[in-house]
Amino acid sequence: MSDDAAVTVIFTVLNEAAALPRLLDSLAAQTRPPDEVIVCDGGSRDDTVALLHAERRLPLRVIESPGANISQGRNLAIAAAAHPVIACTDAGVRIDPHWLERITKAFAGPRQPAWVGGFFLPDPHSTFEVAMSATVLPALEDIDPARFLPSSRSVAFLKTAWEKAGGYPEWLDYCEDLIFDFNLRAAFGQCAFAPDALVYFRPRSSLRSFFKQYYLYARGDGKANLWLRRHLARYATYLIALPALLAGVGAAQDAIVRALFGLLLIAGAGVYLRAPCRRLLHNWGDLPRGEKIRAALLAPLIRVVGDVAKMIGYPAGLLWRLRRSMD
């Protein structure tokens, strides 16, 4: 790769000592080594910073900024980068050996893009996590490249594009990468898509941690005024359509009418669970039969818990935005 396409890899960390070795090992194994790695620590109280300072395989620098959120940490790392191409990932992932080569390949060409979106795949370690990944993480076949908004687990961009887009929004603690994507797309058009630039992301391992994650995601949506129609559709489904169908099944006197309400309820459930079931059939691999049944039973529970978390989190974010606009 030419000097004008040299690459700085950046990510942020906070108490990531358990997961960090996996990321560092996979960065050190890249077929296209990074020219520089800059990590911003937000105030870790475990061995995260010590692990980073002990790393000798990578040209790594650590910025310590206690209290920095993800956006602030990323902006600090990018501002300190010495190279024109920035590749961004997250501390909780494992990177494919070809990731950096593939996500930065286009920057070495004559028609240099402003930004490139890679992709991520689930990295489940248990039956619960298999069900979780099938329920909440998109498959490659679900992606429309013309509308794709990359996660900052796997994205690369020119440092000049980051500057023009205004950086990551430091007022936002969740969904910050979506706002950054919107700003990049407004300034430069749709990202180039590199579906083979892969990182592997481990989903949440418990319903409690998943509920918190999706509550915070939805609160971020409310703060940033994102996806209003999706959230309204969710409220309409749970608070209007579902109660109406259940009431119809219970109250109908005529057997045919009752059966009709029941069929509508079953059809709705089929639409609701179609994508998770399709992904689960692909994801469960060699799980024993009993574990496959368990995963199939967990998928609808996970979906409902996530929806409830979103319905609680979104108004909390709206309230935050309303208060901020009044200050």
Protein backbone atom coordinates (compact mmCIF):
# COMPACT_ATOMS: atom_id res chain seq x y z
CA MET A 1 0.00 0.00 0.00
CA SER A 2 1.34 3.42 -0.88
CA ASP A 3 2.44 5.89 1.79
CA ASP A 4 -0.54 8.13 1.06
CA ALA A 5 -2.82 5.27 2.11
CA ALA A 6 -1.03 4.35 5.34
CA VAL A 7 -3.48 3.23 8.01
CA THR A 8 -4.09 3.99 11.67
CA VAL A 9 -6.32 1.52 13.50
CA ILE A 10 -8.24 3.06 16.39
CA PHE A 11 -10.54 1.78 19.11
CA THR A 12 -11.63 2.69 22.63
CA VAL A 13 -11.52 0.60 25.78
CA LEU A 14 -13.02 0.62 29.26
CA ASN A 15 -12.36 -2.34 31.59
CA GLU A 16 -11.72 -4.71 28.68
CA ALA A 17 -8.92 -6.81 30.20
CA ALA A 18 -10.81 -10.07 29.66
CA ALA A 19 -11.55 -9.49 25.96
CA LEU A 20 -8.55 -7.39 24.97
CA PRO A 21 -6.02 -10.21 24.33
CA ARG A 22 -8.30 -11.69 21.67
CA LEU A 23 -8.43 -8.36 19.82
CA LEU A 24 -4.69 -7.69 20.12
CA ASP A 25 -3.85 -11.21 18.95
CA SER A 26 -6.07 -10.82 15.89
CA LEU A 27 -4.64 -7.38 15.10
CA ALA A 28 -1.12 -8.78 15.31
CA ALA A 29 -2.09 -11.56 12.87
CA GLN A 30 -3.30 -9.24 10.09
CA THR A 31 -2.12 -9.97 6.55
CA ARG A 32 -1.79 -6.19 6.11
CA PRO A 33 -0.27 -4.94 9.38
CA PRO A 34 -1.46 -1.58 10.70
CA ASP A 35 1.00 1.29 10.35
CA GLU A 36 -0.16 2.60 13.71
CA VAL A 37 -2.64 1.60 16.43
CA ILE A 38 -4.06 4.23 18.77
CA VAL A 39 -6.24 3.20 21.69
CA CYS A 40 -8.14 5.58 23.97
CA ASP A 41 -8.87 4.31 27.46
CA GLY A 42 -11.83 5.91 29.23
CA GLY A 43 -10.62 5.23 32.78
CA SER A 44 -10.28 1.46 33.16
CA ARG A 45 -9.93 0.10 36.69
CA ASP A 46 -8.76 -3.37 35.67
CA ASP A 47 -5.60 -4.47 33.81
CA THR A 48 -6.62 -2.99 30.45
CA VAL A 49 -4.02 -0.21 30.35
CA ALA A 50 -1.27 -2.52 31.59
CA LEU A 51 -2.06 -5.01 28.81
CA LEU A 52 -1.93 -2.24 26.23
CA HIS A 53 1.42 -0.91 27.47
CA ALA A 54 2.82 -4.45 27.49
CA GLU A 55 1.92 -5.03 23.81
CA ARG A 56 5.12 -5.30 21.73
CA ARG A 57 3.87 -6.79 18.44
CA LEU A 58 2.03 -3.67 17.31
CA PRO A 59 3.02 0.02 16.83
CA LEU A 60 0.58 0.94 19.58
CA ARG A 61 0.01 4.17 21.48
CA VAL A 62 -2.34 4.63 24.42
CA ILE A 63 -4.30 7.78 25.20
CA GLU A 64 -5.66 7.83 28.74
CA SER A 65 -8.75 10.02 29.12
CA PRO A 66 -10.75 9.06 32.23
CA GLY A 67 -14.45 9.74 31.81
CA ALA A 68 -14.35 9.96 28.01
CA ASN A 69 -17.33 8.37 26.29
CA ILE A 70 -16.96 6.29 23.11
CA SER A 71 -17.34 9.26 20.77
CA GLN A 72 -14.84 11.37 22.70
CA GLY A 73 -12.38 8.49 22.82
CA ARG A 74 -12.63 7.82 19.11
CA ASN A 75 -12.24 11.50 18.28
CA LEU A 76 -9.17 11.78 20.49
CA ALA A 77 -7.61 8.72 18.86
CA ILE A 78 -8.38 9.90 15.32
CA ALA A 79 -7.10 13.42 16.02
CA ALA A 80 -3.81 11.90 17.18
CA ALA A 81 -3.50 9.62 14.13
CA ALA A 82 -0.47 10.22 11.93
CA HIS A 83 -1.91 8.59 8.80
CA PRO A 84 -4.62 9.56 6.29
CA VAL A 85 -6.73 6.37 6.51
CA ILE A 86 -8.50 5.43 9.73
CA ALA A 87 -9.77 1.91 10.39
CA CYS A 88 -12.09 1.69 13.37
CA THR A 89 -13.08 -1.33 15.41
CA ASP A 90 -14.24 -2.19 18.96
CA ALA A 91 -12.59 -3.81 21.94
CA GLY A 92 -15.08 -6.66 22.19
CA VAL A 93 -14.39 -8.25 18.81
CA ARG A 94 -12.12 -10.78 17.16
CA ILE A 95 -10.81 -9.66 13.75
CA ASP A 96 -10.49 -11.82 10.67
CA PRO A 97 -6.82 -11.98 9.52
CA HIS A 98 -7.71 -10.29 6.21
CA TRP A 99 -9.90 -7.54 7.74
CA LEU A 100 -7.49 -4.60 7.50
CA GLU A 101 -6.28 -5.60 4.05
CA ARG A 102 -9.83 -5.82 2.71
CA ILE A 103 -11.36 -2.78 4.39
CA THR A 104 -8.52 -0.50 3.24
CA LYS A 105 -7.88 -1.97 -0.22
CA ALA A 106 -9.98 0.66 -2.02
CA PHE A 107 -7.98 3.53 -0.51
CA ALA A 108 -4.90 2.44 -2.47
CA GLY A 109 -6.73 2.66 -5.80
CA PRO A 110 -7.09 5.59 -8.20
CA ARG A 111 -10.73 6.27 -7.21
CA GLN A 112 -10.31 6.58 -3.47
CA PRO A 113 -13.59 6.42 -1.52
CA ALA A 114 -14.26 8.62 1.49
CA TRP A 115 -15.41 5.67 3.60
CA VAL A 116 -15.76 1.90 3.48
CA GLY A 117 -18.12 -0.26 5.50
CA GLY A 118 -17.04 -3.73 6.55
CA PHE A 119 -19.28 -6.34 8.13
CA PHE A 120 -19.46 -8.36 11.33
CA LEU A 121 -20.56 -11.90 12.12
CA PRO A 122 -21.65 -13.46 15.42
CA ASP A 123 -19.12 -15.25 17.59
CA PRO A 124 -21.37 -17.18 20.03
CA HIS A 125 -19.90 -19.19 22.89
CA SER A 126 -23.10 -20.84 24.19
CA THR A 127 -26.56 -21.98 23.10
CA PHE A 128 -28.03 -18.79 24.56
CA GLU A 129 -25.61 -16.70 22.49
CA VAL A 130 -26.49 -18.68 19.35
CA ALA A 131 -30.14 -17.78 19.93
CA MET A 132 -29.18 -14.20 20.73
CA SER A 133 -27.13 -13.74 17.56
CA ALA A 134 -29.90 -15.21 15.38
CA THR A 135 -32.46 -12.89 16.97
CA VAL A 136 -30.63 -9.56 16.95
CA LEU A 137 -27.74 -9.63 14.45
CA PRO A 138 -28.36 -9.29 10.69
CA ALA A 139 -27.04 -11.84 8.23
CA LEU A 140 -25.20 -10.75 5.10
CA GLU A 141 -28.23 -11.65 2.99
CA ASP A 142 -30.26 -9.11 5.00
CA ILE A 143 -28.02 -6.25 3.86
CA ASP A 144 -28.82 -3.86 1.02
CA PRO A 145 -25.45 -2.28 0.08
CA ALA A 146 -27.22 0.80 -1.26
CA ARG A 147 -28.63 1.57 2.19
CA PHE A 148 -26.09 -0.09 4.47
CA LEU A 149 -24.89 1.91 7.48
CA PRO A 150 -21.77 0.25 8.91
CA SER A 151 -21.15 -0.33 12.57
CA SER A 152 -17.96 1.22 13.90
CA ARG A 153 -16.92 -2.30 14.79
CA SER A 154 -15.85 -2.50 11.14
CA VAL A 155 -15.46 0.76 9.22
CA ALA A 156 -12.68 2.74 7.56
CA PHE A 157 -12.58 6.33 6.37
CA LEU A 158 -10.26 9.14 5.38
CA LYS A 159 -9.21 11.37 8.25
CA THR A 160 -10.25 14.34 6.12
CA ALA A 161 -13.73 12.81 5.78
CA TRP A 162 -13.96 12.46 9.56
CA GLU A 163 -13.10 16.14 9.86
CA LYS A 164 -15.69 17.22 7.29
CA ALA A 165 -18.38 15.05 8.92
CA GLY A 166 -17.72 16.73 12.27
CA GLY A 167 -16.32 13.64 13.98
CA TYR A 168 -18.27 11.32 16.22
CA PRO A 169 -21.04 13.18 18.13
CA GLU A 170 -19.66 13.63 21.64
CA TRP A 171 -23.06 14.57 23.10
CA LEU A 172 -24.34 11.06 22.35
CA ASP A 173 -23.36 7.99 24.35
CA TYR A 174 -25.13 5.32 22.24
CA CYS A 175 -25.99 5.13 18.50
CA GLU A 176 -23.13 7.57 17.94
CA ASP A 177 -21.84 5.58 14.97
CA LEU A 178 -25.19 5.93 13.17
CA ILE A 179 -25.11 9.72 13.45
CA PHE A 180 -21.52 9.67 12.18
CA ASP A 181 -22.65 7.44 9.27
CA PHE A 182 -25.48 9.82 8.42
CA ASN A 183 -23.07 12.76 8.38
CA LEU A 184 -20.57 10.90 6.20
CA ARG A 185 -23.31 9.87 3.79
CA ALA A 186 -24.64 13.42 3.60
CA ALA A 187 -21.17 14.72 2.78
CA PHE A 188 -19.82 11.96 0.53
CA GLY A 189 -22.65 9.65 -0.52
CA GLN A 190 -23.11 5.97 0.27
CA CYS A 191 -20.14 4.06 1.64
CA ALA A 192 -18.28 1.47 -0.39
CA PHE A 193 -19.23 -1.94 0.95
CA ALA A 194 -16.59 -4.56 1.76
CA PRO A 195 -18.63 -7.59 2.93
CA ASP A 196 -15.54 -9.74 3.29
CA ALA A 197 -13.88 -7.32 5.74
CA LEU A 198 -15.08 -9.20 8.78
CA VAL A 199 -14.94 -8.89 12.52
CA TYR A 200 -16.53 -11.38 14.89
CA PHE A 201 -18.73 -10.00 17.63
CA ARG A 202 -19.79 -11.94 20.72
CA PRO A 203 -23.44 -11.24 21.60
CA ARG A 204 -24.69 -10.65 25.13
CA SER A 205 -24.64 -13.77 27.30
CA SER A 206 -27.64 -13.07 29.57
CA LEU A 207 -31.10 -11.56 29.31
CA ARG A 208 -30.20 -8.97 31.94
CA SER A 209 -27.18 -7.63 30.04
CA PHE A 210 -29.15 -7.77 26.78
CA PHE A 211 -32.03 -5.79 28.29
CA LYS A 212 -29.62 -3.10 29.47
CA GLN A 213 -27.91 -2.99 26.06
CA TYR A 214 -31.16 -2.54 24.14
CA TYR A 215 -32.53 -0.06 26.66
CA LEU A 216 -29.42 2.07 26.12
CA TYR A 217 -29.59 1.66 22.33
CA ALA A 218 -33.23 2.81 22.31
CA ARG A 219 -32.45 5.67 24.69
CA GLY A 220 -29.78 6.71 22.20
CA ASP A 221 -32.39 6.57 19.42
CA GLY A 222 -34.60 8.90 21.44
CA LYS A 223 -31.73 11.29 22.17
CA ALA A 224 -30.75 11.43 18.50
CA ASN A 225 -34.33 11.41 17.14
CA LEU A 226 -33.73 8.19 15.18
CA TRP A 227 -36.17 5.61 13.80
CA LEU A 228 -39.41 7.21 15.03
CA ARG A 229 -41.58 5.13 12.70
CA ARG A 230 -39.95 1.87 13.83
CA HIS A 231 -40.58 2.71 17.46
CA LEU A 232 -44.18 3.78 16.80
CA ALA A 233 -44.77 0.51 14.92
CA ARG A 234 -43.47 -1.41 17.93
CA TYR A 235 -45.81 0.41 20.31
CA ALA A 236 -48.72 -0.17 17.93
CA THR A 237 -47.92 -3.88 17.73
CA TYR A 238 -47.65 -4.50 21.47
CA LEU A 239 -50.19 -2.01 22.79
CA ILE A 240 -52.89 -2.15 20.10
CA ALA A 241 -52.65 -5.05 17.63
CA LEU A 242 -51.63 -7.81 20.05
CA PRO A 243 -54.20 -6.96 22.76
CA ALA A 244 -56.91 -6.67 20.09
CA LEU A 245 -56.12 -10.11 18.66
CA LEU A 246 -55.94 -11.72 22.11
CA ALA A 247 -59.22 -10.09 23.08
CA GLY A 248 -60.79 -11.32 19.85
CA VAL A 249 -59.71 -14.91 20.51
CA GLY A 250 -61.08 -14.77 24.05
CA ALA A 251 -64.29 -12.88 23.40
CA ALA A 252 -65.52 -14.24 20.08
CA GLN A 253 -68.62 -16.40 20.48
CA ASP A 254 -68.56 -17.84 17.00
CA ALA A 255 -65.99 -20.62 16.47
CA ILE A 256 -65.17 -19.41 12.95
CA VAL A 257 -64.52 -15.86 14.16
CA ARG A 258 -62.41 -17.17 17.02
CA ALA A 259 -60.41 -19.31 14.60
CA LEU A 260 -59.91 -16.29 12.33
CA PHE A 261 -58.48 -14.24 15.20
CA GLY A 262 -56.28 -17.21 16.10
CA LEU A 263 -54.98 -17.51 12.55
CA LEU A 264 -54.21 -13.79 12.47
CA LEU A 265 -52.32 -14.16 15.75
CA ILE A 266 -50.31 -17.12 14.40
CA ALA A 267 -49.59 -15.28 11.12
CA GLY A 268 -48.38 -12.23 13.06
CA ALA A 269 -46.11 -14.39 15.17
CA GLY A 270 -44.74 -16.00 12.01
CA VAL A 271 -43.86 -12.63 10.50
CA TYR A 272 -42.41 -11.49 13.84
CA LEU A 273 -40.11 -14.51 14.12
CA ARG A 274 -39.40 -15.29 10.47
CA ALA A 275 -35.98 -13.62 10.26
CA PRO A 276 -34.68 -14.95 13.63
CA CYS A 277 -35.80 -18.49 12.72
CA ARG A 278 -34.13 -18.30 9.31
CA ARG A 279 -30.88 -17.09 10.84
CA LEU A 280 -31.10 -19.66 13.63
CA LEU A 281 -31.29 -22.52 11.12
CA HIS A 282 -28.06 -21.20 9.62
CA ASN A 283 -26.31 -20.43 12.92
CA TRP A 284 -26.92 -23.41 15.15
CA GLY A 285 -24.47 -25.66 13.27
CA ASP A 286 -23.67 -28.88 15.11
CA LEU A 287 -25.58 -28.15 18.31
CA PRO A 288 -27.18 -31.27 19.82
CA ARG A 289 -30.88 -31.66 19.11
CA GLY A 290 -31.87 -30.69 22.64
CA GLU A 291 -29.83 -27.49 22.44
CA LYS A 292 -31.40 -26.64 19.08
CA ILE A 293 -34.83 -26.90 20.69
CA ARG A 294 -33.63 -24.71 23.56
CA ALA A 295 -32.29 -22.11 21.14
CA ALA A 296 -35.60 -22.12 19.22
CA LEU A 297 -37.52 -21.51 22.46
CA LEU A 298 -35.14 -18.76 23.54
CA ALA A 299 -35.43 -16.78 20.29
CA PRO A 300 -38.99 -15.44 20.85
CA LEU A 301 -38.21 -14.68 24.50
CA ILE A 302 -35.12 -12.70 23.49
CA ARG A 303 -37.14 -10.83 20.86
CA VAL A 304 -39.81 -9.82 23.38
CA VAL A 305 -37.26 -8.77 26.02
CA GLY A 306 -35.46 -6.62 23.45
CA ASP A 307 -38.69 -4.98 22.34
CA VAL A 308 -39.73 -4.20 25.90
CA ALA A 309 -36.30 -2.70 26.58
CA LYS A 310 -36.65 -0.51 23.50
CA MET A 311 -40.15 0.63 24.46
CA ILE A 312 -38.86 1.74 27.86
CA GLY A 313 -35.59 3.23 26.61
CA TYR A 314 -36.95 5.31 23.72
CA PRO A 315 -39.15 7.64 25.82
CA ALA A 316 -36.26 8.08 28.27
CA GLY A 317 -34.16 9.35 25.37
CA LEU A 318 -36.96 11.61 24.14
CA LEU A 319 -37.29 13.11 27.61
CA TRP A 320 -33.52 13.74 27.70
CA ARG A 321 -33.71 15.48 24.32
CA LEU A 322 -36.67 17.60 25.42
CA ARG A 323 -34.85 18.70 28.57
CA ARG A 324 -31.69 19.47 26.56
CA SER A 325 -33.65 21.61 24.09
CA MET A 326 -35.11 23.62 27.00
CA ASP A 327 -31.74 24.33 28.63
